[in-house]
Amino acid sequence: MAHDIQNDVETMQGIAAIPAILEMVCRTTGMGFAAVARVTDERWVACQVLDNIGFGLPAGGELDVQTTLCHEVRQLREVIVIDNVAEDPVYCQHHTPRLYGLQSYISVPVILPDGRFFGTLCAIDAKPAKLSDPQTVTMFKLFTDLIGFQFDAAEKLNSTRSSLIDAKTASELREQFIAVLGHDLRNPVASITGGISILSREPQSDKSTRVLSMMRGSVLRMSALIDNVMDFARGRLGGGIALQRDQETSLQPTLEQVVSEILSGHPERRIEANFQLSGVVPVDHQRIAQMLSNLLGNAVTHGSPGHPIRVDAAIVDGELRLSVANSGTPIPKESLQKLFQPFKRGEGSSSLQGLGLGLYIASQIAEAHGGQLDVHSDEAETRFTFRMPVEPQHGQAAE
């Protein structure tokens, strides 16, 4: 049991979104301590912690589970909320608030997608706090949904890596897992998006505004990742990338919308867009938007933060040309040959930056349109260019 709990704690500690969640919990409620805890009938172990009040419990630290209210949350699988211990008829004489000097408390169960109880997302403070309003409880439940789904995904990946030996079997199971994972993640991502929208309408400090912006950017990346893994699974498991070409609508507003969405998630970056598409180009707008989003996300991740990202689109010599360029360290020549392969990343890429599917999916979208995606990288810039032949149409002038 101890070994299993340690694995669970280490897996939860590897989820990068939790520090932002704990920061938002404290900023929104005004409480000084928040944590995600692994709770069993015998142990209470802190996985990740934000302690602004000197409570003294670090990540990996333990409490006697019988002294905690999380023990009751585990038994009942229900939220416990206390605005003011001194005025609470149920908990005013409870041993836990007296033992730890608490006046406000909230604990929400973290339930995994298969129904298993993992632990709790909890927050405490030595002063009263307004916690029982529906918006606060809903925010905590949205966060626990996200934590549960992310832990489940990480747990499945760890299990796959440790148990599969045969390469072919591993590949087949990974692709089936990706299809299920991409589908099951859509609901919690939609819930988090709704929660961010609700919180954004409330008065915010400068710091909470920055945290919301960071979370919004994370949701955009998660949505793009889900789209990529679903397309990869369809391509490998049958069906391929299907297109619905639009013969009537200008492509330029679609491209402008993608740039706007990327900027909303990365307000610190500059994107210089030059679109010259006066006529209609017969493409699948959603797929071209997905391709541009992947290319821009790649430029944000790997490009120099001090230089703008440049996006150009025009009809040139009977071709639609859409390019994304950024300054920064050039891609090594040995990496260029495998850049558009699935599960490949550029040199030095962090494992937290994605599965390495973005450029692969972008290249598949290009091929589905009868075009191609090329890359050129040197000391001056790295530029990805999509080229697709188009028939001349009224209102489009070749340059």
Protein backbone atom coordinates (compact mmCIF):
# COMPACT_ATOMS: atom_id res chain seq x y z
CA MET A 1 0.00 0.00 0.00
CA ALA A 2 2.81 2.44 0.90
CA HIS A 3 4.49 1.87 -2.46
CA ASP A 4 1.21 2.46 -4.31
CA ILE A 5 0.58 5.72 -2.43
CA GLN A 6 4.10 6.95 -3.17
CA ASN A 7 3.55 6.28 -6.87
CA ASP A 8 0.26 8.18 -6.73
CA VAL A 9 1.88 11.14 -4.97
CA GLU A 10 4.74 11.28 -7.48
CA THR A 11 2.30 11.10 -10.40
CA MET A 12 0.19 13.93 -8.96
CA GLN A 13 3.33 15.99 -8.33
CA GLY A 14 4.12 15.76 -12.05
CA ILE A 15 0.88 17.50 -13.11
CA ALA A 16 1.96 21.01 -14.12
CA ALA A 17 -1.50 22.61 -13.85
CA ILE A 18 -1.90 22.08 -10.10
CA PRO A 19 0.26 25.03 -8.86
CA ALA A 20 -1.89 27.42 -10.92
CA ILE A 21 -5.04 25.79 -9.50
CA LEU A 22 -3.81 26.19 -5.91
CA GLU A 23 -2.86 29.81 -6.61
CA MET A 24 -6.33 30.51 -7.99
CA VAL A 25 -7.97 28.81 -5.00
CA CYS A 26 -6.09 31.01 -2.52
CA ARG A 27 -6.54 34.20 -4.54
CA THR A 28 -10.26 33.66 -5.05
CA THR A 29 -11.14 32.59 -1.49
CA GLY A 30 -8.60 34.70 0.41
CA MET A 31 -7.35 31.59 2.21
CA GLY A 32 -3.71 31.03 2.99
CA PHE A 33 -3.21 27.28 2.55
CA ALA A 34 -4.35 24.94 -0.23
CA ALA A 35 -3.33 21.42 -1.15
CA VAL A 36 -4.11 18.36 -3.20
CA ALA A 37 -3.93 15.33 -0.90
CA ARG A 38 -3.92 11.56 -1.36
CA VAL A 39 -6.36 10.18 1.20
CA THR A 40 -6.91 6.52 2.12
CA ASP A 41 -8.48 4.91 5.16
CA GLU A 42 -5.02 4.83 6.75
CA ARG A 43 -3.04 7.79 5.40
CA TRP A 44 -3.27 11.49 4.43
CA VAL A 45 -0.34 12.61 2.21
CA ALA A 46 0.09 16.07 0.65
CA CYS A 47 0.88 15.83 -3.09
CA GLN A 48 1.21 19.53 -3.96
CA VAL A 49 0.93 22.44 -1.51
CA LEU A 50 0.63 26.24 -1.50
CA ASP A 51 1.33 27.56 2.02
CA ASN A 52 1.13 31.34 2.52
CA ILE A 53 0.41 31.20 6.26
CA GLY A 54 3.27 29.08 7.58
CA PHE A 55 1.12 26.02 8.28
CA GLY A 56 4.33 24.03 7.92
CA LEU A 57 3.19 21.08 5.83
CA PRO A 58 5.32 20.56 2.69
CA ALA A 59 4.57 18.47 -0.38
CA GLY A 60 5.05 14.85 0.64
CA GLY A 61 4.19 15.64 4.25
CA GLU A 62 1.65 13.57 6.17
CA LEU A 63 -1.10 14.15 8.73
CA ASP A 64 -2.81 11.56 10.92
CA VAL A 65 -5.80 10.82 8.70
CA GLN A 66 -8.08 10.38 11.72
CA THR A 67 -7.43 14.01 12.72
CA THR A 68 -8.55 15.39 9.34
CA LEU A 69 -11.92 16.29 7.90
CA CYS A 70 -10.71 14.82 4.60
CA HIS A 71 -11.23 11.45 6.28
CA GLU A 72 -14.95 12.26 6.45
CA VAL A 73 -14.92 13.52 2.85
CA ARG A 74 -13.48 10.15 1.79
CA GLN A 75 -16.16 8.24 3.68
CA LEU A 76 -19.08 10.33 2.44
CA ARG A 77 -17.68 11.45 -0.93
CA GLU A 78 -19.28 14.82 -0.21
CA VAL A 79 -17.98 18.38 -0.02
CA ILE A 80 -17.36 19.83 3.45
CA VAL A 81 -17.53 23.63 3.66
CA ILE A 82 -17.09 25.73 6.82
CA ASP A 83 -17.28 29.52 6.58
CA ASN A 84 -16.74 30.16 10.28
CA VAL A 85 -16.06 27.31 12.73
CA ALA A 86 -17.23 29.34 15.74
CA GLU A 87 -20.67 29.79 14.16
CA ASP A 88 -21.01 26.37 12.53
CA PRO A 89 -23.51 24.16 14.40
CA VAL A 90 -21.94 20.94 13.12
CA TYR A 91 -18.23 21.65 13.44
CA CYS A 92 -17.93 24.23 16.22
CA GLN A 93 -16.98 21.47 18.68
CA HIS A 94 -15.21 19.21 16.18
CA HIS A 95 -11.71 18.04 17.14
CA THR A 96 -10.08 18.90 13.79
CA PRO A 97 -10.61 22.71 13.86
CA ARG A 98 -9.47 22.83 17.50
CA LEU A 99 -6.38 20.73 16.77
CA TYR A 100 -5.20 22.77 13.77
CA GLY A 101 -6.53 26.19 14.75
CA LEU A 102 -8.91 26.49 11.80
CA GLN A 103 -11.77 28.93 11.35
CA SER A 104 -12.51 28.32 7.65
CA TYR A 105 -12.25 25.10 5.69
CA ILE A 106 -13.27 23.55 2.39
CA SER A 107 -12.52 20.07 1.07
CA VAL A 108 -13.80 18.62 -2.22
CA PRO A 109 -13.29 14.97 -3.23
CA VAL A 110 -11.10 14.16 -6.23
CA ILE A 111 -12.87 11.29 -8.00
CA LEU A 112 -11.10 9.59 -10.90
CA PRO A 113 -12.99 8.91 -14.17
CA ASP A 114 -13.41 5.22 -13.27
CA GLY A 115 -15.07 6.15 -9.97
CA ARG A 116 -12.09 5.60 -7.66
CA PHE A 117 -11.62 8.04 -4.80
CA PHE A 118 -8.15 9.61 -4.95
CA GLY A 119 -8.17 12.28 -2.30
CA THR A 120 -9.16 15.91 -1.90
CA LEU A 121 -8.57 19.47 -3.00
CA CYS A 122 -8.71 21.39 0.26
CA ALA A 123 -8.02 24.85 1.67
CA ILE A 124 -7.77 26.17 5.25
CA ASP A 125 -7.22 29.40 7.11
CA ALA A 126 -7.13 30.68 10.68
CA LYS A 127 -9.75 33.35 9.89
CA PRO A 128 -13.32 33.01 8.58
CA ALA A 129 -13.93 33.06 4.83
CA LYS A 130 -16.99 33.12 2.58
CA LEU A 131 -16.84 29.67 0.98
CA SER A 132 -20.37 28.29 0.83
CA ASP A 133 -21.58 30.40 -2.10
CA PRO A 134 -22.39 28.30 -5.22
CA GLN A 135 -19.71 29.93 -7.41
CA THR A 136 -16.89 28.96 -5.03
CA VAL A 137 -18.11 25.37 -4.65
CA THR A 138 -18.57 25.07 -8.43
CA MET A 139 -15.05 26.37 -9.03
CA PHE A 140 -13.61 23.74 -6.67
CA LYS A 141 -15.60 20.97 -8.38
CA LEU A 142 -14.38 22.06 -11.82
CA PHE A 143 -10.81 22.01 -10.55
CA THR A 144 -11.20 18.54 -9.02
CA ASP A 145 -12.63 17.25 -12.33
CA LEU A 146 -9.56 18.54 -14.16
CA ILE A 147 -7.18 17.11 -11.53
CA GLY A 148 -8.89 13.72 -11.69
CA PHE A 149 -8.79 13.49 -15.48
CA GLN A 150 -5.15 14.62 -15.67
CA PHE A 151 -4.10 12.10 -13.00
CA ASP A 152 -5.97 9.33 -14.80
CA ALA A 153 -4.25 10.20 -18.09
CA ALA A 154 -0.80 10.29 -16.45
CA GLU A 155 -1.48 7.02 -14.63
CA LYS A 156 -2.47 5.27 -17.84
CA LEU A 157 0.61 6.54 -19.66
CA ASN A 158 2.86 5.35 -16.82
CA SER A 159 1.18 1.96 -16.82
CA THR A 160 1.56 1.65 -20.59
CA ARG A 161 5.23 2.56 -20.48
CA SER A 162 6.04 0.08 -17.74
CA SER A 163 4.03 -2.92 -18.95
CA LEU A 164 4.43 -3.02 -22.74
CA ILE A 165 7.49 -4.71 -24.22
CA ASP A 166 6.54 -5.63 -27.75
CA ALA A 167 6.88 -2.51 -29.96
CA LYS A 168 3.99 -3.33 -32.27
CA THR A 169 1.61 -4.07 -29.41
CA ALA A 170 2.73 -0.90 -27.63
CA SER A 171 2.03 1.18 -30.74
CA GLU A 172 -1.45 -0.29 -31.23
CA LEU A 173 -2.44 0.17 -27.60
CA ARG A 174 -1.04 3.68 -27.50
CA GLU A 175 -3.13 4.69 -30.49
CA GLN A 176 -6.30 3.17 -29.00
CA PHE A 177 -5.55 4.89 -25.70
CA ILE A 178 -5.07 8.22 -27.48
CA ALA A 179 -8.47 7.91 -29.12
CA VAL A 180 -10.18 7.27 -25.77
CA LEU A 181 -8.15 9.93 -23.98
CA GLY A 182 -8.89 12.60 -26.56
CA HIS A 183 -12.61 11.87 -26.36
CA ASP A 184 -12.83 11.74 -22.55
CA LEU A 185 -10.88 14.96 -22.02
CA ARG A 186 -13.31 17.16 -23.95
CA ASN A 187 -15.88 17.42 -21.14
CA PRO A 188 -13.54 18.56 -18.33
CA VAL A 189 -11.83 21.03 -20.67
CA ALA A 190 -15.22 22.48 -21.57
CA SER A 191 -16.03 22.71 -17.84
CA ILE A 192 -12.78 24.51 -17.08
CA THR A 193 -13.43 26.92 -19.96
CA GLY A 194 -16.83 27.70 -18.48
CA GLY A 195 -15.30 28.18 -15.04
CA ILE A 196 -12.71 30.60 -16.38
CA SER A 197 -15.47 32.58 -18.09
CA ILE A 198 -17.43 32.77 -14.82
CA LEU A 199 -14.38 33.92 -12.84
CA SER A 200 -13.39 36.44 -15.51
CA ARG A 201 -16.64 38.32 -14.94
CA GLU A 202 -15.76 38.85 -11.26
CA PRO A 203 -13.54 41.72 -10.00
CA GLN A 204 -9.91 40.61 -10.24
CA SER A 205 -6.59 41.73 -8.85
CA ASP A 206 -3.64 42.12 -11.22
CA LYS A 207 -2.22 38.79 -10.05
CA SER A 208 -5.48 36.86 -10.44
CA THR A 209 -5.91 38.39 -13.90
CA ARG A 210 -2.50 37.02 -14.85
CA VAL A 211 -3.38 33.60 -13.42
CA LEU A 212 -6.64 33.54 -15.38
CA SER A 213 -4.75 34.47 -18.53
CA MET A 214 -2.28 31.66 -17.88
CA MET A 215 -5.13 29.20 -17.34
CA ARG A 216 -6.86 30.37 -20.51
CA GLY A 217 -3.64 29.73 -22.44
CA SER A 218 -3.37 26.28 -20.86
CA VAL A 219 -6.93 25.44 -21.93
CA LEU A 220 -6.15 26.53 -25.49
CA ARG A 221 -3.10 24.25 -25.53
CA MET A 222 -5.11 21.39 -24.06
CA SER A 223 -7.85 21.84 -26.67
CA ALA A 224 -5.27 21.84 -29.46
CA LEU A 225 -3.65 18.73 -28.01
CA ILE A 226 -7.00 16.92 -27.87
CA ASP A 227 -7.68 17.82 -31.51
CA ASN A 228 -4.25 16.53 -32.48
CA VAL A 229 -4.52 13.20 -30.68
CA MET A 230 -8.01 12.60 -32.05
CA ASP A 231 -6.83 13.26 -35.61
CA PHE A 232 -3.80 11.04 -35.09
CA ALA A 233 -5.99 8.23 -33.79
CA ARG A 234 -8.40 8.57 -36.71
CA GLY A 235 -5.54 8.47 -39.18
CA ARG A 236 -3.95 5.39 -37.63
CA LEU A 237 -7.13 3.53 -36.70
CA GLY A 238 -9.03 4.28 -39.89
CA GLY A 239 -10.86 7.18 -41.48
CA GLY A 240 -8.02 9.63 -42.05
CA ILE A 241 -8.42 13.41 -42.01
CA ALA A 242 -11.70 14.31 -43.70
CA LEU A 243 -12.21 17.71 -45.34
CA GLN A 244 -15.26 19.91 -45.79
CA ARG A 245 -14.18 22.51 -48.31
CA ASP A 246 -15.90 25.88 -48.17
CA GLN A 247 -16.48 27.29 -51.65
CA GLU A 248 -18.15 30.53 -50.56
CA THR A 249 -16.44 32.07 -47.50
CA SER A 250 -13.23 34.07 -47.38
CA LEU A 251 -10.40 32.37 -45.51
CA GLN A 252 -8.92 35.60 -44.12
CA PRO A 253 -11.35 36.04 -41.15
CA THR A 254 -10.64 32.46 -40.11
CA LEU A 255 -6.90 33.11 -40.02
CA GLU A 256 -7.40 36.36 -38.14
CA GLN A 257 -9.49 34.53 -35.53
CA VAL A 258 -6.71 31.99 -34.94
CA VAL A 259 -4.16 34.75 -34.42
CA SER A 260 -6.52 36.45 -31.97
CA GLU A 261 -7.01 33.23 -29.97
CA ILE A 262 -3.27 32.58 -29.72
CA LEU A 263 -2.67 36.15 -28.56
CA SER A 264 -5.38 35.83 -25.90
CA GLY A 265 -3.51 32.88 -24.43
CA HIS A 266 -0.07 34.51 -24.83
CA PRO A 267 -0.60 38.27 -24.38
CA GLU A 268 3.12 38.76 -23.78
CA ARG A 269 3.99 37.71 -27.35
CA ARG A 270 3.79 39.73 -30.57
CA ILE A 271 2.35 38.34 -33.79
CA GLU A 272 2.64 40.35 -37.01
CA ALA A 273 0.04 39.16 -39.52
CA ASN A 274 -0.09 40.07 -43.21
CA PHE A 275 -3.07 38.50 -44.96
CA GLN A 276 -3.86 39.29 -48.61
CA LEU A 277 -6.75 36.99 -49.45
CA SER A 278 -9.45 39.07 -51.07
CA GLY A 279 -11.22 36.15 -52.76
CA VAL A 280 -12.43 32.68 -51.77
CA VAL A 281 -10.00 29.77 -51.43
CA PRO A 282 -11.69 26.33 -51.46
CA VAL A 283 -10.32 24.85 -48.25
CA ASP A 284 -11.64 23.32 -45.03
CA HIS A 285 -11.57 26.38 -42.78
CA GLN A 286 -11.56 24.39 -39.53
CA ARG A 287 -8.61 22.27 -40.68
CA ILE A 288 -6.60 25.24 -41.97
CA ALA A 289 -7.28 26.98 -38.64
CA GLN A 290 -6.05 23.88 -36.81
CA MET A 291 -2.89 23.80 -38.91
CA LEU A 292 -2.19 27.51 -38.32
CA SER A 293 -2.86 27.09 -34.60
CA ASN A 294 -0.36 24.22 -34.43
CA LEU A 295 2.27 26.22 -36.31
CA LEU A 296 1.75 29.29 -34.14
CA GLY A 297 1.87 27.18 -30.99
CA ASN A 298 5.17 25.74 -32.18
CA ALA A 299 6.51 29.25 -32.83
CA VAL A 300 5.41 30.45 -29.37
CA THR A 301 7.12 27.47 -27.73
CA HIS A 302 10.39 27.53 -29.65
CA GLY A 303 10.69 31.09 -30.95
CA SER A 304 12.61 33.92 -29.31
CA PRO A 305 10.28 35.77 -26.88
CA GLY A 306 11.97 39.07 -27.74
CA HIS A 307 11.09 38.93 -31.43
CA PRO A 308 7.68 38.93 -33.15
CA ILE A 309 6.17 35.90 -34.86
CA ARG A 310 5.35 36.65 -38.49
CA VAL A 311 2.34 35.16 -40.29
CA ASP A 312 1.77 35.70 -44.03
CA ALA A 313 -0.97 34.42 -46.34
CA ALA A 314 -1.51 35.25 -50.02
CA ILE A 315 -2.15 33.76 -53.46
CA VAL A 316 1.20 33.72 -55.25
CA ASP A 317 1.79 32.18 -58.71
CA GLY A 318 -1.37 30.08 -58.56
CA GLU A 319 -0.69 28.84 -55.02
CA LEU A 320 -2.10 29.56 -51.60
CA ARG A 321 0.94 30.26 -49.46
CA LEU A 322 0.54 30.39 -45.69
CA SER A 323 3.70 30.78 -43.63
CA VAL A 324 4.68 31.18 -39.97
CA ALA A 325 8.16 32.45 -39.12
CA ASN A 326 9.97 33.06 -35.84
CA SER A 327 13.43 34.01 -34.69
CA GLY A 328 15.46 31.84 -32.35
CA THR A 329 17.81 28.88 -32.32
CA PRO A 330 17.73 27.11 -35.70
CA ILE A 331 16.49 23.54 -35.92
CA PRO A 332 19.45 21.11 -36.26
CA LYS A 333 19.74 19.54 -39.70
CA GLU A 334 19.44 16.03 -38.28
CA SER A 335 16.10 16.97 -36.70
CA LEU A 336 14.61 18.46 -39.87
CA GLN A 337 14.31 15.04 -41.53
CA LYS A 338 12.02 13.67 -38.78
CA LEU A 339 10.26 16.88 -37.78
CA PHE A 340 6.92 15.88 -39.31
CA GLN A 341 6.92 12.38 -37.84
CA PRO A 342 4.51 11.63 -34.96
CA PHE A 343 5.87 11.71 -31.40
CA LYS A 344 8.97 13.63 -32.52
CA ARG A 345 10.06 16.94 -31.00
CA GLY A 346 12.82 19.38 -31.71
CA GLU A 347 16.10 19.11 -29.85
CA GLY A 348 15.87 20.29 -26.27
CA SER A 349 12.08 20.17 -26.16
CA SER A 350 10.57 19.53 -22.78
CA SER A 351 8.40 16.48 -22.29
CA LEU A 352 5.79 18.85 -20.85
CA GLN A 353 5.37 20.67 -24.16
CA GLY A 354 3.19 18.04 -25.80
CA LEU A 355 3.17 14.63 -27.43
CA GLY A 356 4.98 15.78 -30.56
CA LEU A 357 1.89 15.55 -32.77
CA GLY A 358 1.30 19.19 -33.74
CA LEU A 359 3.61 19.35 -36.76
CA TYR A 360 2.65 15.84 -37.85
CA ILE A 361 -1.06 16.77 -37.88
CA ALA A 362 -0.25 20.04 -39.69
CA SER A 363 1.57 18.11 -42.42
CA GLN A 364 -1.35 15.66 -42.73
CA ILE A 365 -3.79 18.55 -43.14
CA ALA A 366 -1.56 19.99 -45.86
CA GLU A 367 -1.47 16.66 -47.71
CA ALA A 368 -5.25 16.22 -47.39
CA HIS A 369 -5.64 19.54 -49.23
CA GLY A 370 -3.35 18.37 -52.03
CA GLY A 371 -0.57 20.65 -50.80
CA GLN A 372 2.59 20.34 -48.76
CA LEU A 373 4.16 21.79 -45.64
CA ASP A 374 7.86 22.70 -45.79
CA VAL A 375 10.30 24.10 -43.25
CA HIS A 376 13.44 26.20 -43.63
CA SER A 377 15.56 27.01 -40.59
CA ASP A 378 18.75 29.03 -40.26
CA GLU A 379 20.27 31.62 -37.92
CA ALA A 380 17.95 34.33 -39.28
CA GLU A 381 14.61 32.55 -38.85
CA THR A 382 12.64 29.32 -38.84
CA ARG A 383 9.79 29.40 -41.36
CA PHE A 384 7.06 26.83 -42.00
CA THR A 385 5.27 27.29 -45.34
CA PHE A 386 2.08 25.63 -46.54
CA ARG A 387 1.63 25.62 -50.33
CA MET A 388 -1.52 24.51 -52.12
CA PRO A 389 -2.41 24.94 -55.80
CA VAL A 390 -5.58 26.96 -56.38
CA GLU A 391 -7.60 27.75 -59.47
CA PRO A 392 -7.65 31.46 -60.37
CA GLN A 393 -10.86 33.12 -59.21
CA HIS A 394 -12.40 36.49 -59.79
CA GLY A 395 -11.04 39.04 -57.34
CA GLN A 396 -7.72 37.25 -56.70
CA ALA A 397 -4.63 38.75 -58.23
CA ALA A 398 -1.43 36.76 -58.46
CA GLU A 399 1.59 38.59 -57.09
